[in-house]
């Protein structure tokens, strides 16, 4: 990536960092919170695929059905430091993967009985106008994880 921008979201969880971290890597959990997040955005939440190879170098694939067909999201895990940090690439089209890398870093810091999650999505500056929507999307996902872990 040459010129990059960041979308940033922070969320306080009542759940432990371990529990939140694990929610990102368990396919059943991902299916549940992703469906809830999509529904909160007015989409169907019809999750078709959740494939997770939770290891450094492992890949993931998530997809859901939308008006225009199947929306596919995939990437590779670059860092898995349970329960502190999860780093992965994030793509939504083959052009994204070929042209530039989109990097997501989730850090979890203990906070009393719970934790504070900070998610930073670094992407090509060409996506600048999408930052508010990207932040809203990640915010919905974090909220959905909170609701499922309450």
N, C-alpha and C. Protein backbone atom coordinates (compact mmCIF):
# COMPACT_ATOMS: atom_id res chain seq x y z
N UNK A 1 0.84 -1.18 0.00
CA UNK A 1 0.00 0.00 0.00
C UNK A 1 0.88 1.23 0.00
N UNK A 2 0.54 2.18 -0.80
CA UNK A 2 1.29 3.42 -0.80
C UNK A 2 0.65 4.39 0.19
N UNK A 3 -0.33 5.17 -0.24
CA UNK A 3 -1.04 6.07 0.66
C UNK A 3 -2.16 5.30 1.34
N UNK A 4 -2.17 5.34 2.68
CA UNK A 4 -3.19 4.60 3.41
C UNK A 4 -3.98 5.52 4.33
N UNK A 5 -5.14 5.04 4.67
CA UNK A 5 -6.01 5.70 5.65
C UNK A 5 -6.42 4.66 6.67
N UNK A 6 -7.01 5.10 7.76
CA UNK A 6 -7.45 4.17 8.79
C UNK A 6 -8.89 4.43 9.19
N UNK A 7 -9.62 3.36 9.36
CA UNK A 7 -10.91 3.40 10.03
C UNK A 7 -10.64 2.84 11.42
N UNK A 8 -11.17 3.48 12.44
CA UNK A 8 -10.86 3.08 13.82
C UNK A 8 -12.15 3.02 14.64
N UNK A 9 -12.28 1.91 15.40
CA UNK A 9 -13.45 1.71 16.26
C UNK A 9 -12.97 1.18 17.60
N UNK A 10 -13.59 1.66 18.67
CA UNK A 10 -13.28 1.16 20.01
C UNK A 10 -14.58 0.71 20.65
N UNK A 11 -14.50 -0.39 21.41
CA UNK A 11 -15.70 -0.93 22.06
C UNK A 11 -15.31 -1.52 23.42
N UNK A 12 -16.06 -1.18 24.43
CA UNK A 12 -15.84 -1.76 25.77
C UNK A 12 -16.73 -2.97 25.93
N UNK A 13 -16.12 -4.09 26.29
CA UNK A 13 -16.83 -5.35 26.50
C UNK A 13 -16.90 -5.67 27.99
N UNK A 14 -18.02 -6.23 28.41
CA UNK A 14 -18.13 -6.76 29.77
C UNK A 14 -17.43 -8.11 29.85
N UNK A 15 -17.26 -8.76 28.70
CA UNK A 15 -16.61 -10.07 28.63
C UNK A 15 -15.09 -9.94 28.65
N UNK A 16 -14.44 -11.04 29.01
CA UNK A 16 -12.98 -11.06 29.06
C UNK A 16 -12.38 -10.98 27.66
N UNK A 17 -11.12 -10.57 27.61
CA UNK A 17 -10.40 -10.50 26.34
C UNK A 17 -10.33 -11.88 25.69
N UNK A 18 -10.16 -12.92 26.49
CA UNK A 18 -10.10 -14.28 25.95
C UNK A 18 -11.39 -14.64 25.22
N UNK A 19 -12.50 -14.32 25.84
CA UNK A 19 -13.81 -14.65 25.26
C UNK A 19 -14.05 -13.87 23.96
N UNK A 20 -13.68 -12.60 23.95
CA UNK A 20 -13.86 -11.78 22.75
C UNK A 20 -12.93 -12.27 21.64
N UNK A 21 -11.68 -12.54 21.98
CA UNK A 21 -10.72 -13.04 21.00
C UNK A 21 -11.24 -14.33 20.36
N UNK A 22 -11.69 -15.26 21.19
CA UNK A 22 -12.17 -16.54 20.69
C UNK A 22 -13.39 -16.40 19.79
N UNK A 23 -14.22 -15.38 20.04
CA UNK A 23 -15.41 -15.15 19.22
C UNK A 23 -15.06 -14.87 17.77
N UNK A 24 -13.85 -14.39 17.51
CA UNK A 24 -13.40 -14.10 16.15
C UNK A 24 -12.92 -15.33 15.40
N UNK A 25 -12.63 -16.41 16.13
CA UNK A 25 -12.01 -17.57 15.50
C UNK A 25 -12.86 -18.84 15.54
N UNK A 26 -14.00 -18.79 16.19
CA UNK A 26 -14.90 -19.93 16.26
C UNK A 26 -15.98 -19.76 15.19
N UNK A 27 -16.05 -20.70 14.26
CA UNK A 27 -16.95 -20.53 13.11
C UNK A 27 -18.42 -20.39 13.52
N UNK A 28 -18.86 -21.11 14.53
CA UNK A 28 -20.26 -20.98 14.97
C UNK A 28 -20.52 -19.58 15.53
N UNK A 29 -19.59 -19.10 16.32
CA UNK A 29 -19.73 -17.77 16.89
C UNK A 29 -19.70 -16.69 15.80
N UNK A 30 -18.78 -16.81 14.85
CA UNK A 30 -18.68 -15.84 13.76
C UNK A 30 -19.99 -15.82 12.97
N UNK A 31 -20.53 -16.98 12.68
CA UNK A 31 -21.79 -17.07 11.95
C UNK A 31 -22.89 -16.30 12.69
N UNK A 32 -22.96 -16.46 14.00
CA UNK A 32 -24.00 -15.81 14.80
C UNK A 32 -23.82 -14.29 14.85
N UNK A 33 -22.59 -13.83 15.19
CA UNK A 33 -22.44 -12.38 15.34
C UNK A 33 -22.44 -11.66 14.01
N UNK A 34 -21.96 -12.33 12.97
CA UNK A 34 -21.98 -11.70 11.66
C UNK A 34 -23.43 -11.55 11.17
N UNK A 35 -24.25 -12.59 11.36
CA UNK A 35 -25.66 -12.50 10.97
C UNK A 35 -26.36 -11.38 11.73
N UNK A 36 -26.11 -11.29 13.03
CA UNK A 36 -26.73 -10.23 13.84
C UNK A 36 -26.28 -8.85 13.39
N UNK A 37 -24.99 -8.71 13.08
CA UNK A 37 -24.47 -7.41 12.63
C UNK A 37 -25.09 -7.00 11.30
N UNK A 38 -25.21 -7.94 10.37
CA UNK A 38 -25.81 -7.65 9.07
C UNK A 38 -27.29 -7.28 9.22
N UNK A 39 -28.01 -7.99 10.08
CA UNK A 39 -29.43 -7.68 10.31
C UNK A 39 -29.58 -6.28 10.90
N UNK A 40 -28.65 -5.89 11.78
CA UNK A 40 -28.73 -4.55 12.38
C UNK A 40 -28.49 -3.45 11.35
N UNK A 41 -27.94 -3.84 10.21
CA UNK A 41 -27.69 -2.90 9.12
C UNK A 41 -28.82 -2.94 8.09
N UNK A 42 -29.83 -3.79 8.34
CA UNK A 42 -30.97 -3.88 7.44
C UNK A 42 -30.82 -4.94 6.36
N UNK A 43 -29.79 -5.77 6.47
CA UNK A 43 -29.58 -6.85 5.50
C UNK A 43 -30.20 -8.14 6.05
N UNK A 44 -30.26 -9.17 5.22
CA UNK A 44 -30.94 -10.41 5.62
C UNK A 44 -30.20 -11.19 6.71
N UNK A 45 -28.89 -11.10 6.73
CA UNK A 45 -28.12 -11.91 7.69
C UNK A 45 -28.03 -13.36 7.28
N UNK A 46 -28.27 -13.64 5.99
CA UNK A 46 -28.23 -14.99 5.44
C UNK A 46 -26.77 -15.36 5.18
N UNK A 47 -26.13 -15.92 6.19
CA UNK A 47 -24.71 -16.29 6.10
C UNK A 47 -24.60 -17.61 5.35
N UNK A 48 -23.78 -17.63 4.32
CA UNK A 48 -23.62 -18.84 3.50
C UNK A 48 -22.37 -19.61 3.88
N UNK A 49 -21.25 -18.90 4.07
CA UNK A 49 -19.99 -19.59 4.36
C UNK A 49 -19.26 -18.94 5.52
N UNK A 50 -18.72 -19.76 6.37
CA UNK A 50 -17.77 -19.33 7.40
C UNK A 50 -16.72 -20.43 7.46
N UNK A 51 -15.56 -20.14 6.90
CA UNK A 51 -14.45 -21.09 6.89
C UNK A 51 -13.27 -20.41 7.56
N UNK A 52 -12.74 -21.05 8.59
CA UNK A 52 -11.67 -20.45 9.37
C UNK A 52 -10.55 -21.45 9.59
N UNK A 53 -9.33 -21.07 9.20
CA UNK A 53 -8.12 -21.83 9.48
C UNK A 53 -7.31 -20.95 10.42
N UNK A 54 -7.61 -21.05 11.72
CA UNK A 54 -7.11 -20.12 12.73
C UNK A 54 -5.66 -20.41 13.12
N UNK A 55 -4.76 -20.01 12.24
CA UNK A 55 -3.32 -20.12 12.49
C UNK A 55 -2.63 -19.03 11.67
N UNK A 56 -1.46 -18.63 12.08
CA UNK A 56 -0.72 -17.65 11.30
C UNK A 56 -0.48 -18.25 9.91
N UNK A 57 -0.88 -17.50 8.89
CA UNK A 57 -0.80 -17.99 7.52
C UNK A 57 -2.08 -18.67 7.06
N UNK A 58 -2.97 -18.97 8.00
CA UNK A 58 -4.25 -19.59 7.67
C UNK A 58 -5.20 -18.54 7.08
N UNK A 59 -6.16 -19.03 6.31
CA UNK A 59 -7.11 -18.13 5.65
C UNK A 59 -8.51 -18.28 6.24
N UNK A 60 -9.31 -17.26 5.99
CA UNK A 60 -10.72 -17.32 6.36
C UNK A 60 -11.54 -16.86 5.16
N UNK A 61 -12.77 -17.32 5.11
CA UNK A 61 -13.73 -16.89 4.10
C UNK A 61 -15.08 -16.78 4.78
N UNK A 62 -15.73 -15.63 4.60
CA UNK A 62 -17.08 -15.41 5.10
C UNK A 62 -17.91 -14.93 3.91
N UNK A 63 -19.16 -15.37 3.82
CA UNK A 63 -20.03 -14.84 2.78
C UNK A 63 -21.46 -14.78 3.26
N UNK A 64 -22.20 -13.84 2.67
CA UNK A 64 -23.61 -13.70 2.97
C UNK A 64 -24.34 -13.31 1.68
N UNK A 65 -25.62 -13.58 1.67
CA UNK A 65 -26.43 -13.25 0.49
C UNK A 65 -26.99 -11.84 0.63
N UNK A 66 -26.86 -11.10 -0.44
CA UNK A 66 -27.38 -9.73 -0.50
C UNK A 66 -28.19 -9.59 -1.78
N UNK A 67 -28.76 -8.43 -1.98
CA UNK A 67 -29.60 -8.19 -3.15
C UNK A 67 -28.88 -8.52 -4.46
N UNK A 68 -27.60 -8.18 -4.53
CA UNK A 68 -26.84 -8.40 -5.76
C UNK A 68 -26.19 -9.76 -5.87
N UNK A 69 -26.43 -10.65 -4.90
CA UNK A 69 -25.82 -11.97 -4.91
C UNK A 69 -24.99 -12.20 -3.66
N UNK A 70 -24.07 -13.14 -3.77
CA UNK A 70 -23.24 -13.50 -2.62
C UNK A 70 -22.13 -12.47 -2.41
N UNK A 71 -22.06 -11.92 -1.19
CA UNK A 71 -20.99 -10.99 -0.82
C UNK A 71 -19.91 -11.80 -0.11
N UNK A 72 -18.72 -11.79 -0.67
CA UNK A 72 -17.63 -12.61 -0.18
C UNK A 72 -16.58 -11.73 0.50
N UNK A 73 -16.08 -12.20 1.65
CA UNK A 73 -15.01 -11.52 2.39
C UNK A 73 -13.99 -12.58 2.75
N UNK A 74 -12.71 -12.28 2.57
CA UNK A 74 -11.68 -13.26 2.89
C UNK A 74 -10.39 -12.56 3.26
N UNK A 75 -9.48 -13.35 3.81
CA UNK A 75 -8.18 -12.81 4.17
C UNK A 75 -7.30 -13.88 4.77
N UNK A 76 -6.16 -13.44 5.28
CA UNK A 76 -5.16 -14.32 5.86
C UNK A 76 -4.80 -13.80 7.24
N UNK A 77 -4.68 -14.71 8.20
CA UNK A 77 -4.27 -14.34 9.55
C UNK A 77 -2.75 -14.11 9.56
N UNK A 78 -2.35 -12.94 10.00
CA UNK A 78 -0.93 -12.59 10.05
C UNK A 78 -0.36 -12.68 11.45
N UNK A 79 -1.22 -12.46 12.45
CA UNK A 79 -0.78 -12.53 13.85
C UNK A 79 -1.95 -12.99 14.71
N UNK A 80 -1.70 -13.98 15.56
CA UNK A 80 -2.68 -14.49 16.50
C UNK A 80 -1.99 -14.55 17.86
N UNK A 81 -2.22 -13.57 18.69
CA UNK A 81 -1.60 -13.49 20.01
C UNK A 81 -2.72 -13.46 21.05
N UNK A 82 -3.27 -14.65 21.33
CA UNK A 82 -4.40 -14.75 22.24
C UNK A 82 -3.99 -14.35 23.64
N UNK A 83 -4.71 -13.51 24.32
CA UNK A 83 -5.95 -12.83 23.92
C UNK A 83 -5.73 -11.35 23.59
N UNK A 84 -4.52 -10.98 23.21
CA UNK A 84 -4.19 -9.57 23.06
C UNK A 84 -4.39 -8.99 21.67
N UNK A 85 -4.06 -9.76 20.64
CA UNK A 85 -3.99 -9.15 19.31
C UNK A 85 -4.31 -10.15 18.21
N UNK A 86 -5.07 -9.66 17.23
CA UNK A 86 -5.42 -10.44 16.04
C UNK A 86 -5.21 -9.52 14.85
N UNK A 87 -4.40 -9.97 13.89
CA UNK A 87 -4.10 -9.16 12.70
C UNK A 87 -4.40 -10.02 11.47
N UNK A 88 -5.15 -9.45 10.53
CA UNK A 88 -5.50 -10.19 9.32
C UNK A 88 -5.71 -9.24 8.15
N UNK A 89 -5.53 -9.78 6.95
CA UNK A 89 -5.87 -9.02 5.75
C UNK A 89 -7.37 -9.15 5.55
N UNK A 90 -7.96 -8.20 4.79
CA UNK A 90 -9.41 -8.21 4.57
C UNK A 90 -9.67 -7.80 3.13
N UNK A 91 -10.30 -8.68 2.38
CA UNK A 91 -10.61 -8.40 0.99
C UNK A 91 -12.08 -8.65 0.70
N UNK A 92 -12.59 -7.92 -0.27
CA UNK A 92 -13.98 -8.10 -0.69
C UNK A 92 -14.09 -8.31 -2.20
N UNK A 93 -12.97 -8.19 -2.90
CA UNK A 93 -12.98 -8.46 -4.34
C UNK A 93 -11.58 -8.86 -4.78
N UNK A 94 -11.53 -9.57 -5.89
CA UNK A 94 -10.23 -9.98 -6.41
C UNK A 94 -9.38 -8.78 -6.77
N UNK A 95 -10.02 -7.70 -7.20
CA UNK A 95 -9.28 -6.48 -7.54
C UNK A 95 -8.60 -5.92 -6.29
N UNK A 96 -9.28 -5.98 -5.12
CA UNK A 96 -8.68 -5.51 -3.87
C UNK A 96 -7.40 -6.28 -3.58
N UNK A 97 -7.47 -7.60 -3.70
CA UNK A 97 -6.33 -8.44 -3.36
C UNK A 97 -5.17 -8.21 -4.31
N UNK A 98 -5.47 -7.99 -5.58
CA UNK A 98 -4.42 -7.77 -6.56
C UNK A 98 -3.80 -6.38 -6.44
N UNK A 99 -4.62 -5.38 -6.15
CA UNK A 99 -4.16 -4.00 -6.18
C UNK A 99 -3.52 -3.55 -4.87
N UNK A 100 -4.07 -3.95 -3.76
CA UNK A 100 -3.56 -3.46 -2.49
C UNK A 100 -3.99 -4.36 -1.36
N UNK A 101 -3.35 -4.17 -0.25
CA UNK A 101 -3.69 -4.95 0.93
C UNK A 101 -4.52 -4.09 1.88
N UNK A 102 -5.46 -4.72 2.48
CA UNK A 102 -6.30 -4.10 3.48
C UNK A 102 -6.00 -4.84 4.78
N UNK A 103 -5.55 -4.14 5.80
CA UNK A 103 -5.07 -4.78 7.01
C UNK A 103 -5.94 -4.38 8.21
N UNK A 104 -6.39 -5.39 8.96
CA UNK A 104 -7.20 -5.16 10.16
C UNK A 104 -6.41 -5.63 11.37
N UNK A 105 -6.33 -4.75 12.37
CA UNK A 105 -5.65 -5.09 13.62
C UNK A 105 -6.65 -4.90 14.76
N UNK A 106 -6.90 -5.98 15.49
CA UNK A 106 -7.77 -5.93 16.66
C UNK A 106 -6.88 -6.11 17.88
N UNK A 107 -6.89 -5.13 18.79
CA UNK A 107 -6.16 -5.27 20.04
C UNK A 107 -7.18 -5.29 21.17
N UNK A 108 -6.91 -6.13 22.16
CA UNK A 108 -7.79 -6.28 23.31
C UNK A 108 -6.99 -6.01 24.57
N UNK A 109 -7.46 -5.05 25.35
CA UNK A 109 -6.78 -4.68 26.59
C UNK A 109 -7.71 -4.97 27.77
N UNK A 110 -7.23 -5.71 28.77
CA UNK A 110 -8.07 -5.97 29.94
C UNK A 110 -8.53 -4.65 30.55
N UNK A 111 -9.76 -4.65 31.05
CA UNK A 111 -10.34 -3.46 31.69
C UNK A 111 -11.31 -3.95 32.76
N UNK A 112 -10.81 -4.07 33.98
CA UNK A 112 -11.64 -4.63 35.05
C UNK A 112 -11.98 -6.07 34.72
N UNK A 113 -13.27 -6.42 34.80
CA UNK A 113 -13.72 -7.77 34.49
C UNK A 113 -13.85 -7.99 32.98
N UNK A 114 -13.82 -6.90 32.22
CA UNK A 114 -14.00 -6.99 30.78
C UNK A 114 -12.75 -6.60 30.03
N UNK A 115 -12.95 -5.98 28.88
CA UNK A 115 -11.81 -5.54 28.08
C UNK A 115 -12.26 -4.41 27.15
N UNK A 116 -11.28 -3.75 26.59
CA UNK A 116 -11.53 -2.72 25.58
C UNK A 116 -10.90 -3.21 24.28
N UNK A 117 -11.73 -3.24 23.25
CA UNK A 117 -11.28 -3.65 21.92
C UNK A 117 -11.05 -2.41 21.09
N UNK A 118 -9.91 -2.35 20.42
CA UNK A 118 -9.64 -1.30 19.45
C UNK A 118 -9.38 -1.98 18.12
N UNK A 119 -10.18 -1.64 17.14
CA UNK A 119 -10.04 -2.23 15.81
C UNK A 119 -9.63 -1.13 14.85
N UNK A 120 -8.53 -1.36 14.15
CA UNK A 120 -8.02 -0.41 13.16
C UNK A 120 -7.98 -1.13 11.82
N UNK A 121 -8.66 -0.55 10.84
CA UNK A 121 -8.68 -1.12 9.48
C UNK A 121 -7.91 -0.15 8.60
N UNK A 122 -6.70 -0.55 8.21
CA UNK A 122 -5.85 0.28 7.35
C UNK A 122 -6.07 -0.16 5.91
N UNK A 123 -6.33 0.82 5.06
CA UNK A 123 -6.63 0.51 3.66
C UNK A 123 -6.09 1.60 2.75
N UNK A 124 -6.14 1.33 1.48
CA UNK A 124 -5.69 2.28 0.48
C UNK A 124 -6.48 3.58 0.59
N UNK A 125 -5.80 4.69 0.40
CA UNK A 125 -6.44 6.01 0.50
C UNK A 125 -7.56 6.21 -0.51
N UNK A 126 -7.62 5.37 -1.53
CA UNK A 126 -8.71 5.46 -2.51
C UNK A 126 -10.07 5.24 -1.84
N UNK A 127 -10.08 4.63 -0.65
CA UNK A 127 -11.33 4.31 0.07
C UNK A 127 -11.69 5.37 1.10
N UNK A 128 -11.08 6.54 1.06
CA UNK A 128 -11.30 7.58 2.06
C UNK A 128 -12.77 7.86 2.31
N UNK A 129 -13.56 8.00 1.26
CA UNK A 129 -14.98 8.33 1.45
C UNK A 129 -15.76 7.22 2.13
N UNK A 130 -15.21 6.01 2.18
CA UNK A 130 -15.88 4.87 2.79
C UNK A 130 -15.57 4.72 4.28
N UNK A 131 -14.65 5.50 4.83
CA UNK A 131 -14.24 5.33 6.23
C UNK A 131 -15.43 5.34 7.19
N UNK A 132 -16.36 6.30 7.12
CA UNK A 132 -17.48 6.26 8.07
C UNK A 132 -18.31 4.97 7.97
N UNK A 133 -18.50 4.47 6.76
CA UNK A 133 -19.27 3.24 6.58
C UNK A 133 -18.49 2.03 7.10
N UNK A 134 -17.19 2.02 6.87
CA UNK A 134 -16.35 0.93 7.37
C UNK A 134 -16.37 0.92 8.90
N UNK A 135 -16.23 2.10 9.51
CA UNK A 135 -16.27 2.19 10.97
C UNK A 135 -17.62 1.73 11.51
N UNK A 136 -18.70 2.12 10.85
CA UNK A 136 -20.03 1.69 11.28
C UNK A 136 -20.17 0.18 11.18
N UNK A 137 -19.65 -0.41 10.10
CA UNK A 137 -19.73 -1.86 9.93
C UNK A 137 -18.98 -2.61 11.01
N UNK A 138 -17.74 -2.22 11.27
CA UNK A 138 -16.97 -2.88 12.32
C UNK A 138 -17.62 -2.64 13.68
N UNK A 139 -18.15 -1.44 13.89
CA UNK A 139 -18.84 -1.15 15.15
C UNK A 139 -20.03 -2.07 15.37
N UNK A 140 -20.79 -2.33 14.30
CA UNK A 140 -21.92 -3.26 14.40
C UNK A 140 -21.44 -4.68 14.74
N UNK A 141 -20.33 -5.07 14.15
CA UNK A 141 -19.79 -6.41 14.44
C UNK A 141 -19.37 -6.52 15.91
N UNK A 142 -18.67 -5.51 16.41
CA UNK A 142 -18.25 -5.55 17.81
C UNK A 142 -19.46 -5.55 18.74
N UNK A 143 -20.47 -4.76 18.41
CA UNK A 143 -21.71 -4.74 19.22
C UNK A 143 -22.40 -6.10 19.20
N UNK A 144 -22.41 -6.75 18.04
CA UNK A 144 -23.04 -8.06 17.92
C UNK A 144 -22.28 -9.11 18.75
N UNK A 145 -20.95 -9.01 18.77
CA UNK A 145 -20.15 -9.91 19.61
C UNK A 145 -20.50 -9.68 21.06
N UNK A 146 -20.62 -8.43 21.46
CA UNK A 146 -20.99 -8.10 22.85
C UNK A 146 -22.33 -8.71 23.20
N UNK A 147 -23.32 -8.56 22.32
CA UNK A 147 -24.66 -9.08 22.59
C UNK A 147 -24.66 -10.59 22.74
N UNK A 148 -23.86 -11.30 21.95
CA UNK A 148 -23.82 -12.75 22.03
C UNK A 148 -23.04 -13.25 23.25
N UNK A 149 -22.14 -12.43 23.76
CA UNK A 149 -21.33 -12.83 24.91
C UNK A 149 -21.88 -12.32 26.23
N UNK A 150 -23.02 -11.63 26.19
CA UNK A 150 -23.59 -11.05 27.43
C UNK A 150 -24.18 -12.12 28.30
